[in-house]
All heavy atoms as atom14 arrays in JSON, in Angstrom:
{
  "sequence": "YLSPLPIVEMQLSVDAGLRMLKITEPQ",
  "atom14_mask": [
    [1, 1, 1, 1, 1, 1, 1, 1, 1, 1, 1, 1, 0, 0],
    [1, 1, 1, 1, 1, 1, 1, 1, 0, 0, 0, 0, 0, 0],
    [1, 1, 1, 1, 1, 1, 0, 0, 0, 0, 0, 0, 0, 0],
    [1, 1, 1, 1, 1, 1, 1, 0, 0, 0, 0, 0, 0, 0],
    [1, 1, 1, 1, 1, 1, 1, 1, 0, 0, 0, 0, 0, 0],
    [1, 1, 1, 1, 1, 1, 1, 0, 0, 0, 0, 0, 0, 0],
    [1, 1, 1, 1, 1, 1, 1, 1, 0, 0, 0, 0, 0, 0],
    [1, 1, 1, 1, 1, 1, 1, 0, 0, 0, 0, 0, 0, 0],
    [1, 1, 1, 1, 1, 1, 1, 1, 1, 0, 0, 0, 0, 0],
    [1, 1, 1, 1, 1, 1, 1, 1, 0, 0, 0, 0, 0, 0],
    [1, 1, 1, 1, 1, 1, 1, 1, 1, 0, 0, 0, 0, 0],
    [1, 1, 1, 1, 1, 1, 1, 1, 0, 0, 0, 0, 0, 0],
    [1, 1, 1, 1, 1, 1, 0, 0, 0, 0, 0, 0, 0, 0],
    [1, 1, 1, 1, 1, 1, 1, 0, 0, 0, 0, 0, 0, 0],
    [1, 1, 1, 1, 1, 1, 1, 1, 0, 0, 0, 0, 0, 0],
    [1, 1, 1, 1, 1, 0, 0, 0, 0, 0, 0, 0, 0, 0],
    [1, 1, 1, 1, 0, 0, 0, 0, 0, 0, 0, 0, 0, 0],
    [1, 1, 1, 1, 1, 1, 1, 1, 0, 0, 0, 0, 0, 0],
    [1, 1, 1, 1, 1, 1, 1, 1, 1, 1, 1, 0, 0, 0],
    [1, 1, 1, 1, 1, 1, 1, 1, 0, 0, 0, 0, 0, 0],
    [1, 1, 1, 1, 1, 1, 1, 1, 0, 0, 0, 0, 0, 0],
    [1, 1, 1, 1, 1, 1, 1, 1, 1, 0, 0, 0, 0, 0],
    [1, 1, 1, 1, 1, 1, 1, 1, 0, 0, 0, 0, 0, 0],
    [1, 1, 1, 1, 1, 1, 1, 0, 0, 0, 0, 0, 0, 0],
    [1, 1, 1, 1, 1, 1, 1, 1, 1, 0, 0, 0, 0, 0],
    [1, 1, 1, 1, 1, 1, 1, 0, 0, 0, 0, 0, 0, 0],
    [1, 1, 1, 1, 1, 1, 1, 1, 1, 0, 0, 0, 0, 0]
  ],
  "atom14_positions": [
    [[41.51, -0.8, -31.54], [40.62, -1.78, -32.16], [41.12, -3.2, -32.05], [40.48, -4.12, -32.52], [40.43, -1.42, -33.65], [39.98, 0.0, -33.85], [40.89, 0.99, -34.24], [38.67, 0.37, -33.6], [40.47, 2.31, -34.39], [38.24, 1.69, -33.76], [39.15, 2.65, -34.16], [38.74, 3.93, -34.31], [0.0, 0.0, 0.0], [0.0, 0.0, 0.0]],
    [[42.31, -3.36, -31.48], [42.88, -4.7, -31.37], [42.54, -5.29, -30.02], [42.51, -4.6, -29.02], [44.4, -4.65, -31.54], [44.9, -4.23, -32.94], [46.41, -4.16, -32.93], [44.39, -5.17, -34.01], [0.0, 0.0, 0.0], [0.0, 0.0, 0.0], [0.0, 0.0, 0.0], [0.0, 0.0, 0.0], [0.0, 0.0, 0.0], [0.0, 0.0, 0.0]],
    [[42.31, -6.58, -29.97], [42.07, -7.28, -28.7], [42.45, -8.72, -28.88], [42.41, -9.24, -29.99], [40.59, -7.17, -28.3], [39.78, -7.8, -29.26], [0.0, 0.0, 0.0], [0.0, 0.0, 0.0], [0.0, 0.0, 0.0], [0.0, 0.0, 0.0], [0.0, 0.0, 0.0], [0.0, 0.0, 0.0], [0.0, 0.0, 0.0], [0.0, 0.0, 0.0]],
    [[42.84, -9.38, -27.79], [43.2, -10.8, -27.9], [42.01, -11.61, -28.36], [40.86, -11.26, -28.11], [43.59, -11.16, -26.45], [43.87, -9.85, -25.79], [43.0, -8.85, -26.45], [0.0, 0.0, 0.0], [0.0, 0.0, 0.0], [0.0, 0.0, 0.0], [0.0, 0.0, 0.0], [0.0, 0.0, 0.0], [0.0, 0.0, 0.0], [0.0, 0.0, 0.0]],
    [[42.28, -12.69, -29.04], [41.21, -13.58, -29.47], [40.58, -14.26, -28.27], [41.25, -14.54, -27.29], [41.77, -14.66, -30.41], [42.23, -14.13, -31.79], [42.86, -15.26, -32.56], [41.08, -13.54, -32.57], [0.0, 0.0, 0.0], [0.0, 0.0, 0.0], [0.0, 0.0, 0.0], [0.0, 0.0, 0.0], [0.0, 0.0, 0.0], [0.0, 0.0, 0.0]],
    [[39.28, -14.5, -28.3], [38.64, -15.18, -27.18], [39.1, -16.61, -27.05], [39.51, -17.24, -28.02], [37.15, -15.11, -27.53], [37.12, -14.97, -29.02], [38.33, -14.17, -29.37], [0.0, 0.0, 0.0], [0.0, 0.0, 0.0], [0.0, 0.0, 0.0], [0.0, 0.0, 0.0], [0.0, 0.0, 0.0], [0.0, 0.0, 0.0], [0.0, 0.0, 0.0]],
    [[39.05, -17.09, -25.82], [39.4, -18.48, -25.54], [38.13, -19.31, -25.65], [37.12, -18.99, -25.04], [39.99, -18.62, -24.14], [41.25, -17.75, -24.03], [40.33, -20.08, -23.82], [41.76, -17.62, -22.61], [0.0, 0.0, 0.0], [0.0, 0.0, 0.0], [0.0, 0.0, 0.0], [0.0, 0.0, 0.0], [0.0, 0.0, 0.0], [0.0, 0.0, 0.0]],
    [[38.15, -20.34, -26.43], [36.95, -21.16, -26.64], [37.07, -22.47, -25.9], [38.03, -23.21, -26.07], [36.73, -21.43, -28.15], [35.48, -22.28, -28.35], [36.61, -20.12, -28.9], [0.0, 0.0, 0.0], [0.0, 0.0, 0.0], [0.0, 0.0, 0.0], [0.0, 0.0, 0.0], [0.0, 0.0, 0.0], [0.0, 0.0, 0.0], [0.0, 0.0, 0.0]],
    [[36.09, -22.73, -25.03], [36.06, -23.98, -24.28], [34.88, -24.79, -24.8], [33.75, -24.32, -24.81], [35.87, -23.71, -22.8], [36.95, -22.84, -22.22], [36.6, -22.4, -20.81], [35.58, -22.88, -20.28], [37.35, -21.6, -20.27], [0.0, 0.0, 0.0], [0.0, 0.0, 0.0], [0.0, 0.0, 0.0], [0.0, 0.0, 0.0], [0.0, 0.0, 0.0]],
    [[35.11, -26.0, -25.23], [34.04, -26.82, -25.78], [33.64, -27.88, -24.78], [34.48, -28.53, -24.19], [34.48, -27.48, -27.08], [33.41, -28.38, -27.7], [33.93, -29.08, -29.27], [33.93, -27.64, -30.3], [0.0, 0.0, 0.0], [0.0, 0.0, 0.0], [0.0, 0.0, 0.0], [0.0, 0.0, 0.0], [0.0, 0.0, 0.0], [0.0, 0.0, 0.0]],
    [[32.33, -28.02, -24.57], [31.81, -29.04, -23.67], [30.68, -29.75, -24.38], [29.75, -29.13, -24.88], [31.3, -28.4, -22.38], [32.42, -27.76, -21.59], [31.88, -26.9, -20.47], [30.79, -26.37, -20.57], [32.65, -26.76, -19.42], [0.0, 0.0, 0.0], [0.0, 0.0, 0.0], [0.0, 0.0, 0.0], [0.0, 0.0, 0.0], [0.0, 0.0, 0.0]],
    [[30.75, -31.05, -24.43], [29.72, -31.85, -25.1], [28.71, -32.3, -24.08], [29.03, -32.88, -23.07], [30.36, -33.07, -25.76], [29.38, -34.0, -26.51], [28.71, -33.22, -27.64], [30.13, -35.2, -27.05], [0.0, 0.0, 0.0], [0.0, 0.0, 0.0], [0.0, 0.0, 0.0], [0.0, 0.0, 0.0], [0.0, 0.0, 0.0], [0.0, 0.0, 0.0]],
    [[27.45, -32.01, -24.35], [26.38, -32.35, -23.44], [25.47, -33.37, -24.07], [25.13, -33.28, -25.24], [25.57, -31.1, -23.08], [24.33, -31.47, -22.54], [0.0, 0.0, 0.0], [0.0, 0.0, 0.0], [0.0, 0.0, 0.0], [0.0, 0.0, 0.0], [0.0, 0.0, 0.0], [0.0, 0.0, 0.0], [0.0, 0.0, 0.0], [0.0, 0.0, 0.0]],
    [[25.03, -34.34, -23.27], [24.1, -35.34, -23.75], [22.68, -34.8, -23.71], [21.77, -35.36, -24.28], [24.21, -36.62, -22.91], [23.27, -37.69, -23.41], [25.64, -37.13, -22.94], [0.0, 0.0, 0.0], [0.0, 0.0, 0.0], [0.0, 0.0, 0.0], [0.0, 0.0, 0.0], [0.0, 0.0, 0.0], [0.0, 0.0, 0.0], [0.0, 0.0, 0.0]],
    [[22.47, -33.66, -23.03], [21.12, -33.12, -22.86], [20.56, -32.65, -24.18], [20.88, -31.59, -24.68], [21.17, -31.97, -21.86], [19.82, -31.33, -21.66], [18.82, -32.04, -21.89], [19.78, -30.16, -21.28], [0.0, 0.0, 0.0], [0.0, 0.0, 0.0], [0.0, 0.0, 0.0], [0.0, 0.0, 0.0], [0.0, 0.0, 0.0], [0.0, 0.0, 0.0]],
    [[19.67, -33.44, -24.78], [18.97, -33.1, -26.01], [19.93, -32.79, -27.16], [19.59, -32.09, -28.1], [18.03, -31.93, -25.79], [0.0, 0.0, 0.0], [0.0, 0.0, 0.0], [0.0, 0.0, 0.0], [0.0, 0.0, 0.0], [0.0, 0.0, 0.0], [0.0, 0.0, 0.0], [0.0, 0.0, 0.0], [0.0, 0.0, 0.0], [0.0, 0.0, 0.0]],
    [[21.13, -33.37, -27.12], [22.06, -33.21, -28.22], [22.59, -31.81, -28.4], [22.84, -31.37, -29.5], [0.0, 0.0, 0.0], [0.0, 0.0, 0.0], [0.0, 0.0, 0.0], [0.0, 0.0, 0.0], [0.0, 0.0, 0.0], [0.0, 0.0, 0.0], [0.0, 0.0, 0.0], [0.0, 0.0, 0.0], [0.0, 0.0, 0.0], [0.0, 0.0, 0.0]],
    [[22.78, -31.07, -27.33], [23.26, -29.7, -27.44], [24.77, -29.65, -27.26], [25.31, -30.27, -26.36], [22.6, -28.81, -26.37], [21.08, -28.72, -26.42], [20.6, -27.81, -25.3], [20.63, -28.17, -27.75], [0.0, 0.0, 0.0], [0.0, 0.0, 0.0], [0.0, 0.0, 0.0], [0.0, 0.0, 0.0], [0.0, 0.0, 0.0], [0.0, 0.0, 0.0]],
    [[25.43, -28.89, -28.12], [26.87, -28.67, -27.96], [27.07, -27.25, -27.47], [26.59, -26.3, -28.08], [27.6, -28.89, -29.28], [29.11, -28.89, -29.15], [29.76, -29.1, -30.49], [29.39, -30.35, -31.09], [30.02, -31.49, -30.88], [31.05, -31.53, -30.08], [29.64, -32.59, -31.48], [0.0, 0.0, 0.0], [0.0, 0.0, 0.0], [0.0, 0.0, 0.0]],
    [[27.75, -27.1, -26.32], [27.9, -25.78, -25.72], [29.3, -25.25, -26.0], [30.29, -25.95, -25.77], [27.7, -25.86, -24.2], [26.44, -26.55, -23.76], [25.02, -25.48, -23.76], [25.52, -24.32, -22.51], [0.0, 0.0, 0.0], [0.0, 0.0, 0.0], [0.0, 0.0, 0.0], [0.0, 0.0, 0.0], [0.0, 0.0, 0.0], [0.0, 0.0, 0.0]],
    [[29.41, -24.05, -26.5], [30.69, -23.38, -26.68], [30.72, -22.17, -25.75], [29.95, -21.23, -25.93], [30.87, -22.9, -28.12], [30.93, -24.0, -29.19], [31.08, -23.35, -30.54], [32.06, -24.95, -28.93], [0.0, 0.0, 0.0], [0.0, 0.0, 0.0], [0.0, 0.0, 0.0], [0.0, 0.0, 0.0], [0.0, 0.0, 0.0], [0.0, 0.0, 0.0]],
    [[31.57, -22.19, -24.76], [31.67, -21.07, -23.83], [32.82, -20.18, -24.28], [33.96, -20.62, -24.33], [31.91, -21.56, -22.41], [32.05, -20.42, -21.41], [32.28, -20.95, -20.02], [32.45, -19.82, -19.03], [32.74, -20.31, -17.68], [0.0, 0.0, 0.0], [0.0, 0.0, 0.0], [0.0, 0.0, 0.0], [0.0, 0.0, 0.0], [0.0, 0.0, 0.0]],
    [[32.52, -18.92, -24.6], [33.54, -18.0, -25.09], [33.92, -17.05, -23.96], [33.08, -16.33, -23.44], [33.02, -17.22, -26.3], [32.68, -18.2, -27.43], [34.05, -16.2, -26.76], [32.22, -17.53, -28.69], [0.0, 0.0, 0.0], [0.0, 0.0, 0.0], [0.0, 0.0, 0.0], [0.0, 0.0, 0.0], [0.0, 0.0, 0.0], [0.0, 0.0, 0.0]],
    [[35.17, -17.08, -23.57], [35.64, -16.29, -22.43], [36.7, -15.32, -22.9], [37.66, -15.72, -23.56], [36.23, -17.22, -21.36], [35.28, -18.22, -21.05], [36.59, -16.42, -20.12], [0.0, 0.0, 0.0], [0.0, 0.0, 0.0], [0.0, 0.0, 0.0], [0.0, 0.0, 0.0], [0.0, 0.0, 0.0], [0.0, 0.0, 0.0], [0.0, 0.0, 0.0]],
    [[36.57, -14.07, -22.56], [37.57, -13.09, -22.92], [38.74, -13.17, -21.95], [38.55, -13.35, -20.75], [36.97, -11.67, -22.9], [35.81, -11.53, -23.86], [35.69, -10.11, -24.37], [36.54, -9.28, -24.01], [34.78, -9.87, -25.13], [0.0, 0.0, 0.0], [0.0, 0.0, 0.0], [0.0, 0.0, 0.0], [0.0, 0.0, 0.0], [0.0, 0.0, 0.0]],
    [[39.97, -13.05, -22.45], [41.16, -13.13, -21.59], [41.14, -12.07, -20.51], [40.56, -11.0, -20.67], [42.32, -12.93, -22.58], [41.75, -13.27, -23.92], [40.31, -12.88, -23.86], [0.0, 0.0, 0.0], [0.0, 0.0, 0.0], [0.0, 0.0, 0.0], [0.0, 0.0, 0.0], [0.0, 0.0, 0.0], [0.0, 0.0, 0.0], [0.0, 0.0, 0.0]],
    [[41.83, -12.35, -19.4], [41.88, -11.45, -18.25], [42.46, -10.09, -18.62], [42.02, -9.07, -18.14], [42.7, -12.1, -17.13], [42.68, -11.33, -15.83], [41.31, -11.38, -15.19], [40.57, -12.31, -15.43], [40.99, -10.37, -14.41], [0.0, 0.0, 0.0], [0.0, 0.0, 0.0], [0.0, 0.0, 0.0], [0.0, 0.0, 0.0], [0.0, 0.0, 0.0]]
  ]
}
């Protein structure tokens, strides 16, 4: 039941004020 925490990459977009959070699981 254990797994590494996801890596969170934050990218700020000017498109209509959207903030994108890309969650990637470690290799």
